């Protein structure tokens, strides 16, 4: 028993934590993140419109493509009323107008209950028709 008692006296317990290795690891990680952060480009380059939240002023009435809650398309041309159209008719009619007047304004008005996919498909159809810029319509928020 005396041998085990003498070993306990020679080996004293340390009650402090050596934090130097943790600081070294933290600094290395900080440098790695500082170097890699500018290299990460996760976004998509888009051309956002510059606006002061005023209504759009055009010389002529715009073309408005409405997407209802069921996913159907309604086309309102510049000089005529609204008419229900299929996807093929939408591409054909809007394409003819855009070829004759490339500066015409085209807007998509999606119902609040419409599936986002249907609104996106309308934008793809307009792109197929040759429309360079498509605007999304909304109502101003109440109480502002």
N, C-alpha and C. Protein backbone atom coordinates (compact mmCIF):
# COMPACT_ATOMS: atom_id res chain seq x y z
N UNK A 1 0.79 -1.19 0.00
CA UNK A 1 0.00 0.00 0.00
C UNK A 1 0.84 1.26 0.00
N UNK A 2 1.99 1.17 0.51
CA UNK A 2 2.84 2.35 0.54
C UNK A 2 3.30 2.74 -0.85
N UNK A 3 3.42 1.78 -1.72
CA UNK A 3 3.84 2.10 -3.08
C UNK A 3 2.77 2.88 -3.81
N UNK A 4 1.51 2.52 -3.67
CA UNK A 4 0.43 3.23 -4.35
C UNK A 4 0.22 4.61 -3.74
N UNK A 5 0.46 4.73 -2.43
CA UNK A 5 0.33 6.02 -1.76
C UNK A 5 1.40 6.99 -2.24
N UNK A 6 2.62 6.48 -2.45
CA UNK A 6 3.70 7.36 -2.90
C UNK A 6 3.50 7.78 -4.35
N UNK A 7 2.85 6.97 -5.18
CA UNK A 7 2.57 7.35 -6.57
C UNK A 7 1.54 8.48 -6.64
N UNK A 8 0.60 8.47 -5.74
CA UNK A 8 -0.42 9.51 -5.73
C UNK A 8 0.17 10.86 -5.36
N UNK A 9 1.12 10.87 -4.50
CA UNK A 9 1.72 12.14 -4.10
C UNK A 9 2.57 12.73 -5.21
N UNK A 10 3.23 11.90 -5.98
CA UNK A 10 4.10 12.40 -7.04
C UNK A 10 3.29 12.99 -8.21
N UNK A 11 2.15 12.40 -8.53
CA UNK A 11 1.35 12.84 -9.66
C UNK A 11 0.23 13.75 -9.16
N UNK A 12 0.37 15.03 -9.42
CA UNK A 12 -0.64 15.99 -9.00
C UNK A 12 -1.62 16.22 -10.14
N UNK A 13 -2.89 16.38 -9.85
CA UNK A 13 -3.90 16.65 -10.86
C UNK A 13 -3.88 18.13 -11.24
N UNK A 14 -4.04 18.38 -12.56
CA UNK A 14 -4.14 19.77 -13.03
C UNK A 14 -5.61 20.14 -13.08
N UNK A 15 -5.93 21.28 -12.62
CA UNK A 15 -7.33 21.73 -12.64
C UNK A 15 -7.53 22.87 -13.64
N UNK A 16 -6.70 22.97 -14.64
CA UNK A 16 -6.83 24.01 -15.65
C UNK A 16 -6.90 23.37 -17.03
N UNK A 17 -7.56 24.07 -17.95
CA UNK A 17 -7.74 23.59 -19.32
C UNK A 17 -6.78 24.35 -20.22
N UNK A 18 -6.09 23.64 -21.05
CA UNK A 18 -5.17 24.26 -22.00
C UNK A 18 -5.97 24.62 -23.26
N UNK A 19 -6.22 25.91 -23.47
CA UNK A 19 -7.06 26.35 -24.59
C UNK A 19 -6.26 26.76 -25.81
N UNK A 20 -4.96 26.71 -25.75
CA UNK A 20 -4.13 27.13 -26.88
C UNK A 20 -4.43 26.30 -28.13
N UNK A 21 -4.56 24.98 -28.07
CA UNK A 21 -4.89 24.23 -29.29
C UNK A 21 -6.26 24.61 -29.87
N UNK A 22 -7.22 24.93 -29.02
CA UNK A 22 -8.53 25.32 -29.50
C UNK A 22 -8.46 26.67 -30.22
N UNK A 23 -7.67 27.58 -29.72
CA UNK A 23 -7.50 28.88 -30.37
C UNK A 23 -6.83 28.71 -31.71
N UNK A 24 -5.84 27.83 -31.80
CA UNK A 24 -5.17 27.58 -33.08
C UNK A 24 -6.14 27.03 -34.11
N UNK A 25 -6.95 26.09 -33.72
CA UNK A 25 -7.94 25.51 -34.63
C UNK A 25 -8.94 26.57 -35.06
N UNK A 26 -9.39 27.39 -34.14
CA UNK A 26 -10.35 28.44 -34.47
C UNK A 26 -9.76 29.43 -35.48
N UNK A 27 -8.53 29.82 -35.31
CA UNK A 27 -7.90 30.76 -36.23
C UNK A 27 -7.71 30.15 -37.62
N UNK A 28 -7.35 28.87 -37.68
CA UNK A 28 -7.22 28.21 -38.98
C UNK A 28 -8.57 28.15 -39.69
N UNK A 29 -9.63 27.81 -38.96
CA UNK A 29 -10.97 27.79 -39.57
C UNK A 29 -11.40 29.18 -40.01
N UNK A 30 -11.09 30.19 -39.24
CA UNK A 30 -11.42 31.55 -39.62
C UNK A 30 -10.75 31.93 -40.93
N UNK A 31 -9.49 31.60 -41.07
CA UNK A 31 -8.76 31.91 -42.31
C UNK A 31 -9.36 31.14 -43.48
N UNK A 32 -9.70 29.88 -43.27
CA UNK A 32 -10.30 29.09 -44.36
C UNK A 32 -11.61 29.70 -44.80
N UNK A 33 -12.47 30.09 -43.86
CA UNK A 33 -13.75 30.69 -44.22
C UNK A 33 -13.58 32.05 -44.89
N UNK A 34 -12.60 32.82 -44.45
CA UNK A 34 -12.36 34.12 -45.07
C UNK A 34 -11.89 33.98 -46.51
N UNK A 35 -11.14 32.95 -46.80
CA UNK A 35 -10.63 32.75 -48.16
C UNK A 35 -11.72 32.18 -49.06
N UNK A 36 -12.54 31.25 -48.55
CA UNK A 36 -13.53 30.58 -49.40
C UNK A 36 -14.83 31.35 -49.55
N UNK A 37 -15.18 32.24 -48.63
CA UNK A 37 -16.44 32.96 -48.71
C UNK A 37 -16.59 33.78 -49.98
N UNK A 38 -15.60 34.54 -50.43
CA UNK A 38 -15.78 35.28 -51.68
C UNK A 38 -15.87 34.37 -52.92
N UNK A 39 -15.39 33.16 -52.82
CA UNK A 39 -15.43 32.26 -53.97
C UNK A 39 -16.79 31.61 -54.16
N UNK A 40 -17.61 31.61 -53.12
CA UNK A 40 -18.92 30.99 -53.21
C UNK A 40 -19.88 31.94 -53.91
N UNK A 41 -20.39 31.52 -55.04
CA UNK A 41 -21.37 32.31 -55.77
C UNK A 41 -22.57 31.40 -56.01
N UNK A 42 -23.49 31.39 -55.05
CA UNK A 42 -24.61 30.47 -55.11
C UNK A 42 -25.83 31.07 -55.80
N UNK A 43 -25.81 32.33 -56.07
CA UNK A 43 -26.97 32.98 -56.66
C UNK A 43 -27.01 32.88 -58.17
N UNK A 44 -28.11 33.33 -58.73
CA UNK A 44 -28.30 33.38 -60.16
C UNK A 44 -28.31 34.84 -60.57
N UNK A 45 -27.59 35.18 -61.61
CA UNK A 45 -27.56 36.56 -62.07
C UNK A 45 -28.88 36.89 -62.76
N UNK A 46 -29.58 37.88 -62.25
CA UNK A 46 -30.83 38.32 -62.85
C UNK A 46 -30.80 39.83 -62.99
N UNK A 47 -31.57 40.32 -63.92
CA UNK A 47 -31.66 41.75 -64.17
C UNK A 47 -32.90 42.27 -63.46
N UNK A 48 -32.73 42.74 -62.23
CA UNK A 48 -33.86 43.23 -61.45
C UNK A 48 -34.29 44.61 -61.93
N UNK A 49 -35.58 44.83 -61.98
CA UNK A 49 -36.06 46.15 -62.41
C UNK A 49 -35.79 47.20 -61.34
N UNK A 50 -35.48 48.39 -61.78
CA UNK A 50 -35.27 49.50 -60.86
C UNK A 50 -36.56 50.32 -60.82
N UNK A 51 -37.15 50.40 -59.64
CA UNK A 51 -38.46 51.02 -59.53
C UNK A 51 -38.60 51.74 -58.20
N UNK A 52 -39.43 52.77 -58.21
CA UNK A 52 -39.79 53.46 -56.98
C UNK A 52 -41.19 53.08 -56.56
N UNK A 53 -41.65 51.90 -56.96
CA UNK A 53 -42.96 51.35 -56.62
C UNK A 53 -44.10 52.21 -57.16
N UNK A 54 -43.91 52.79 -58.29
CA UNK A 54 -44.98 53.52 -58.96
C UNK A 54 -45.54 52.64 -60.06
N UNK A 55 -46.71 52.97 -60.54
CA UNK A 55 -47.30 52.19 -61.61
C UNK A 55 -46.55 52.43 -62.91
N UNK A 56 -46.59 51.44 -63.78
CA UNK A 56 -45.87 51.51 -65.04
C UNK A 56 -46.64 52.37 -66.03
N UNK A 57 -45.95 53.29 -66.64
CA UNK A 57 -46.57 54.15 -67.63
C UNK A 57 -46.12 53.73 -69.01
N UNK A 58 -47.07 53.34 -69.84
CA UNK A 58 -46.76 52.94 -71.20
C UNK A 58 -47.57 53.79 -72.16
N UNK A 59 -47.07 53.91 -73.39
CA UNK A 59 -47.77 54.69 -74.40
C UNK A 59 -49.01 53.95 -74.88
N UNK A 60 -48.92 52.62 -74.96
CA UNK A 60 -50.05 51.81 -75.38
C UNK A 60 -50.45 50.91 -74.23
N UNK A 61 -51.65 50.38 -74.32
CA UNK A 61 -52.09 49.42 -73.31
C UNK A 61 -51.23 48.16 -73.40
N UNK A 62 -50.87 47.59 -72.27
CA UNK A 62 -50.04 46.39 -72.30
C UNK A 62 -50.87 45.14 -72.62
N UNK A 63 -50.17 44.08 -72.95
CA UNK A 63 -50.79 42.77 -73.10
C UNK A 63 -50.77 42.13 -71.72
N UNK A 64 -51.92 41.63 -71.28
CA UNK A 64 -52.02 41.03 -69.96
C UNK A 64 -52.45 39.57 -70.12
N UNK A 65 -51.62 38.68 -69.59
CA UNK A 65 -51.94 37.25 -69.56
C UNK A 65 -52.33 36.92 -68.13
N UNK A 66 -53.57 36.48 -67.95
CA UNK A 66 -54.05 36.12 -66.61
C UNK A 66 -54.06 34.61 -66.46
N UNK A 67 -53.61 34.16 -65.30
CA UNK A 67 -53.65 32.74 -64.95
C UNK A 67 -54.65 32.60 -63.82
N UNK A 68 -55.75 31.84 -64.08
CA UNK A 68 -56.77 31.69 -63.04
C UNK A 68 -56.39 30.59 -62.06
N UNK A 69 -57.22 30.38 -61.06
CA UNK A 69 -56.92 29.43 -59.99
C UNK A 69 -56.83 27.99 -60.51
N UNK A 70 -57.52 27.67 -61.60
CA UNK A 70 -57.47 26.32 -62.16
C UNK A 70 -56.30 26.13 -63.12
N UNK A 71 -55.60 27.20 -63.49
CA UNK A 71 -54.45 27.12 -64.38
C UNK A 71 -54.78 27.49 -65.82
N UNK A 72 -55.97 28.01 -66.07
CA UNK A 72 -56.34 28.43 -67.42
C UNK A 72 -55.78 29.80 -67.74
N UNK A 73 -55.60 30.06 -69.04
CA UNK A 73 -55.02 31.34 -69.49
C UNK A 73 -56.10 32.23 -70.09
N UNK A 74 -56.05 33.50 -69.75
CA UNK A 74 -56.91 34.51 -70.32
C UNK A 74 -56.02 35.61 -70.88
N UNK A 75 -56.28 36.01 -72.11
CA UNK A 75 -55.44 36.99 -72.79
C UNK A 75 -56.24 38.27 -72.99
N UNK A 76 -55.68 39.40 -72.58
CA UNK A 76 -56.28 40.70 -72.83
C UNK A 76 -55.32 41.47 -73.70
N UNK A 77 -55.70 41.62 -74.96
CA UNK A 77 -54.86 42.35 -75.91
C UNK A 77 -55.10 43.84 -75.79
N UNK A 78 -54.33 44.60 -76.54
CA UNK A 78 -54.36 46.04 -76.41
C UNK A 78 -55.71 46.65 -76.78
N UNK A 79 -56.31 46.20 -77.85
CA UNK A 79 -57.53 46.85 -78.34
C UNK A 79 -58.79 46.02 -78.15
N UNK A 80 -58.69 44.82 -77.62
CA UNK A 80 -59.85 43.96 -77.49
C UNK A 80 -60.06 43.57 -76.03
N UNK A 81 -61.15 42.83 -75.79
CA UNK A 81 -61.47 42.39 -74.44
C UNK A 81 -60.72 41.12 -74.08
N UNK A 82 -61.12 40.54 -72.97
CA UNK A 82 -60.48 39.32 -72.51
C UNK A 82 -61.03 38.12 -73.25
N UNK A 83 -60.14 37.16 -73.53
CA UNK A 83 -60.58 35.92 -74.15
C UNK A 83 -59.76 34.76 -73.58
N UNK A 84 -60.44 33.64 -73.36
CA UNK A 84 -59.75 32.44 -72.87
C UNK A 84 -59.01 31.80 -74.02
N UNK A 85 -57.76 31.43 -73.77
CA UNK A 85 -56.93 30.84 -74.82
C UNK A 85 -56.20 29.62 -74.27
N UNK A 86 -55.79 28.75 -75.18
CA UNK A 86 -54.95 27.62 -74.80
C UNK A 86 -53.50 28.06 -74.85
N UNK A 87 -52.60 27.17 -74.46
CA UNK A 87 -51.18 27.52 -74.45
C UNK A 87 -50.68 27.79 -75.87
N UNK A 88 -51.11 27.00 -76.84
CA UNK A 88 -50.67 27.19 -78.23
C UNK A 88 -51.20 28.51 -78.79
N UNK A 89 -52.47 28.83 -78.50
CA UNK A 89 -53.03 30.09 -78.97
C UNK A 89 -52.33 31.28 -78.33
N UNK A 90 -51.96 31.13 -77.06
CA UNK A 90 -51.25 32.21 -76.36
C UNK A 90 -49.93 32.51 -77.05
N UNK A 91 -49.15 31.48 -77.34
CA UNK A 91 -47.86 31.67 -78.01
C UNK A 91 -48.06 32.28 -79.39
N UNK A 92 -49.05 31.82 -80.12
CA UNK A 92 -49.29 32.31 -81.48
C UNK A 92 -49.70 33.78 -81.50
N UNK A 93 -50.69 34.14 -80.67
CA UNK A 93 -51.21 35.52 -80.69
C UNK A 93 -50.19 36.52 -80.14
N UNK A 94 -49.58 36.19 -79.01
CA UNK A 94 -48.60 37.12 -78.43
C UNK A 94 -47.37 37.21 -79.33
N UNK A 95 -46.96 36.10 -79.92
CA UNK A 95 -45.81 36.11 -80.82
C UNK A 95 -46.03 37.01 -82.03
N UNK A 96 -47.24 37.00 -82.59
CA UNK A 96 -47.55 37.86 -83.75
C UNK A 96 -47.47 39.33 -83.36
N UNK A 97 -47.97 39.67 -82.18
CA UNK A 97 -47.94 41.07 -81.75
C UNK A 97 -46.52 41.51 -81.43
N UNK A 98 -45.74 40.65 -80.79
CA UNK A 98 -44.37 41.02 -80.42
C UNK A 98 -43.48 41.14 -81.66
N UNK A 99 -43.73 40.33 -82.68
CA UNK A 99 -42.93 40.47 -83.91
C UNK A 99 -43.21 41.80 -84.61
N UNK A 100 -44.45 42.27 -84.54
CA UNK A 100 -44.76 43.56 -85.18
C UNK A 100 -44.36 44.74 -84.31
N UNK A 101 -44.36 44.57 -82.98
CA UNK A 101 -43.98 45.65 -82.07
C UNK A 101 -43.18 45.07 -80.90
N UNK A 102 -41.84 44.99 -81.02
CA UNK A 102 -41.04 44.36 -79.97
C UNK A 102 -41.03 45.12 -78.64
N UNK A 103 -41.44 46.38 -78.63
CA UNK A 103 -41.40 47.19 -77.41
C UNK A 103 -42.69 47.12 -76.60
N UNK A 104 -43.62 46.27 -76.99
CA UNK A 104 -44.90 46.18 -76.29
C UNK A 104 -44.67 45.60 -74.89
N UNK A 105 -45.42 46.13 -73.92
CA UNK A 105 -45.31 45.65 -72.54
C UNK A 105 -46.19 44.43 -72.36
N UNK A 106 -45.63 43.40 -71.72
CA UNK A 106 -46.37 42.17 -71.46
C UNK A 106 -46.32 41.88 -69.96
N UNK A 107 -47.50 41.64 -69.37
CA UNK A 107 -47.60 41.37 -67.94
C UNK A 107 -48.32 40.06 -67.70
N UNK A 108 -47.94 39.39 -66.61
CA UNK A 108 -48.62 38.17 -66.18
C UNK A 108 -49.31 38.48 -64.87
N UNK A 109 -50.63 38.22 -64.83
CA UNK A 109 -51.42 38.41 -63.62
C UNK A 109 -51.85 37.04 -63.14
N UNK A 110 -51.23 36.58 -62.07
CA UNK A 110 -51.56 35.27 -61.52
C UNK A 110 -52.52 35.39 -60.36
N UNK A 111 -53.53 34.54 -60.35
CA UNK A 111 -54.48 34.48 -59.25
C UNK A 111 -53.73 34.09 -57.97
N UNK A 112 -54.15 34.61 -56.85
CA UNK A 112 -53.49 34.30 -55.58
C UNK A 112 -53.57 32.83 -55.22
N UNK A 113 -54.58 32.13 -55.71
CA UNK A 113 -54.74 30.71 -55.43
C UNK A 113 -54.18 29.83 -56.55
N UNK A 114 -53.63 30.45 -57.59
CA UNK A 114 -53.08 29.69 -58.71
C UNK A 114 -51.78 29.02 -58.30
N UNK A 115 -51.52 27.89 -58.89
CA UNK A 115 -50.29 27.16 -58.64
C UNK A 115 -49.13 27.95 -59.25
N UNK A 116 -48.05 28.05 -58.51
CA UNK A 116 -46.87 28.80 -58.99
C UNK A 116 -46.36 28.21 -60.30
N UNK A 117 -46.46 26.91 -60.44
CA UNK A 117 -45.97 26.24 -61.66
C UNK A 117 -46.72 26.75 -62.89
N UNK A 118 -48.00 27.00 -62.76
CA UNK A 118 -48.79 27.49 -63.90
C UNK A 118 -48.39 28.92 -64.27
N UNK A 119 -48.11 29.74 -63.28
CA UNK A 119 -47.64 31.11 -63.56
C UNK A 119 -46.28 31.06 -64.26
N UNK A 120 -45.43 30.18 -63.78
CA UNK A 120 -44.10 30.02 -64.39
C UNK A 120 -44.22 29.50 -65.81
N UNK A 121 -45.14 28.56 -66.06
CA UNK A 121 -45.35 28.05 -67.41
C UNK A 121 -45.83 29.17 -68.35
N UNK A 122 -46.66 30.07 -67.84
CA UNK A 122 -47.10 31.21 -68.65
C UNK A 122 -45.90 32.07 -69.05
N UNK A 123 -44.97 32.27 -68.12
CA UNK A 123 -43.79 33.06 -68.44
C UNK A 123 -42.91 32.35 -69.47
N UNK A 124 -42.82 31.02 -69.38
CA UNK A 124 -42.05 30.26 -70.36
C UNK A 124 -42.71 30.33 -71.72
N UNK A 125 -44.04 30.25 -71.77
CA UNK A 125 -44.75 30.37 -73.05
C UNK A 125 -44.52 31.74 -73.68
N UNK A 126 -44.52 32.77 -72.86
CA UNK A 126 -44.26 34.12 -73.39
C UNK A 126 -42.83 34.25 -73.90
N UNK A 127 -41.90 33.61 -73.24
CA UNK A 127 -40.52 33.62 -73.72
C UNK A 127 -40.43 32.89 -75.06
N UNK A 128 -41.17 31.80 -75.19
CA UNK A 128 -41.21 31.07 -76.46
C UNK A 128 -41.81 31.93 -77.56
N UNK A 129 -42.75 32.79 -77.21
CA UNK A 129 -43.38 33.67 -78.19
C UNK A 129 -42.46 34.81 -78.61
N UNK A 130 -41.34 35.00 -77.93
CA UNK A 130 -40.39 36.04 -78.31
C UNK A 130 -40.41 37.27 -77.44
N UNK A 131 -41.10 37.22 -76.32
CA UNK A 131 -41.16 38.37 -75.41
C UNK A 131 -39.85 38.44 -74.63
N UNK A 132 -39.20 39.60 -74.68
CA UNK A 132 -37.90 39.75 -74.02
C UNK A 132 -38.06 40.03 -72.52
N UNK A 133 -39.04 40.84 -72.15
CA UNK A 133 -39.25 41.20 -70.75
C UNK A 133 -40.71 40.96 -70.38
N UNK A 134 -40.90 40.29 -69.25
CA UNK A 134 -42.24 40.01 -68.74
C UNK A 134 -42.35 40.61 -67.35
N UNK A 135 -43.43 41.33 -67.10
CA UNK A 135 -43.66 41.89 -65.78
C UNK A 135 -44.73 41.10 -65.05
N UNK A 136 -44.66 41.08 -63.73
CA UNK A 136 -45.66 40.43 -62.91
C UNK A 136 -46.55 41.50 -62.28
N UNK A 137 -47.85 41.27 -62.34
CA UNK A 137 -48.79 42.24 -61.79
C UNK A 137 -49.17 41.86 -60.38
N UNK A 138 -49.44 42.87 -59.56
CA UNK A 138 -49.92 42.63 -58.20
C UNK A 138 -50.79 43.81 -57.79
N UNK A 139 -51.49 43.59 -56.71
CA UNK A 139 -52.29 44.68 -56.13
C UNK A 139 -51.49 45.29 -55.01
N UNK A 140 -51.58 46.58 -54.79
CA UNK A 140 -50.86 47.18 -53.67
C UNK A 140 -51.40 46.64 -52.35
N UNK A 141 -50.54 46.52 -51.37
CA UNK A 141 -50.94 46.03 -50.06
C UNK A 141 -51.83 47.05 -49.39
N UNK A 142 -52.88 46.56 -48.74
CA UNK A 142 -53.79 47.48 -48.07
C UNK A 142 -53.20 47.94 -46.75
N UNK A 143 -53.49 49.17 -46.40
CA UNK A 143 -53.00 49.71 -45.13
C UNK A 143 -51.65 50.36 -45.24
N UNK A 144 -51.16 50.54 -46.45
CA UNK A 144 -49.85 51.20 -46.61
C UNK A 144 -50.00 52.47 -47.38
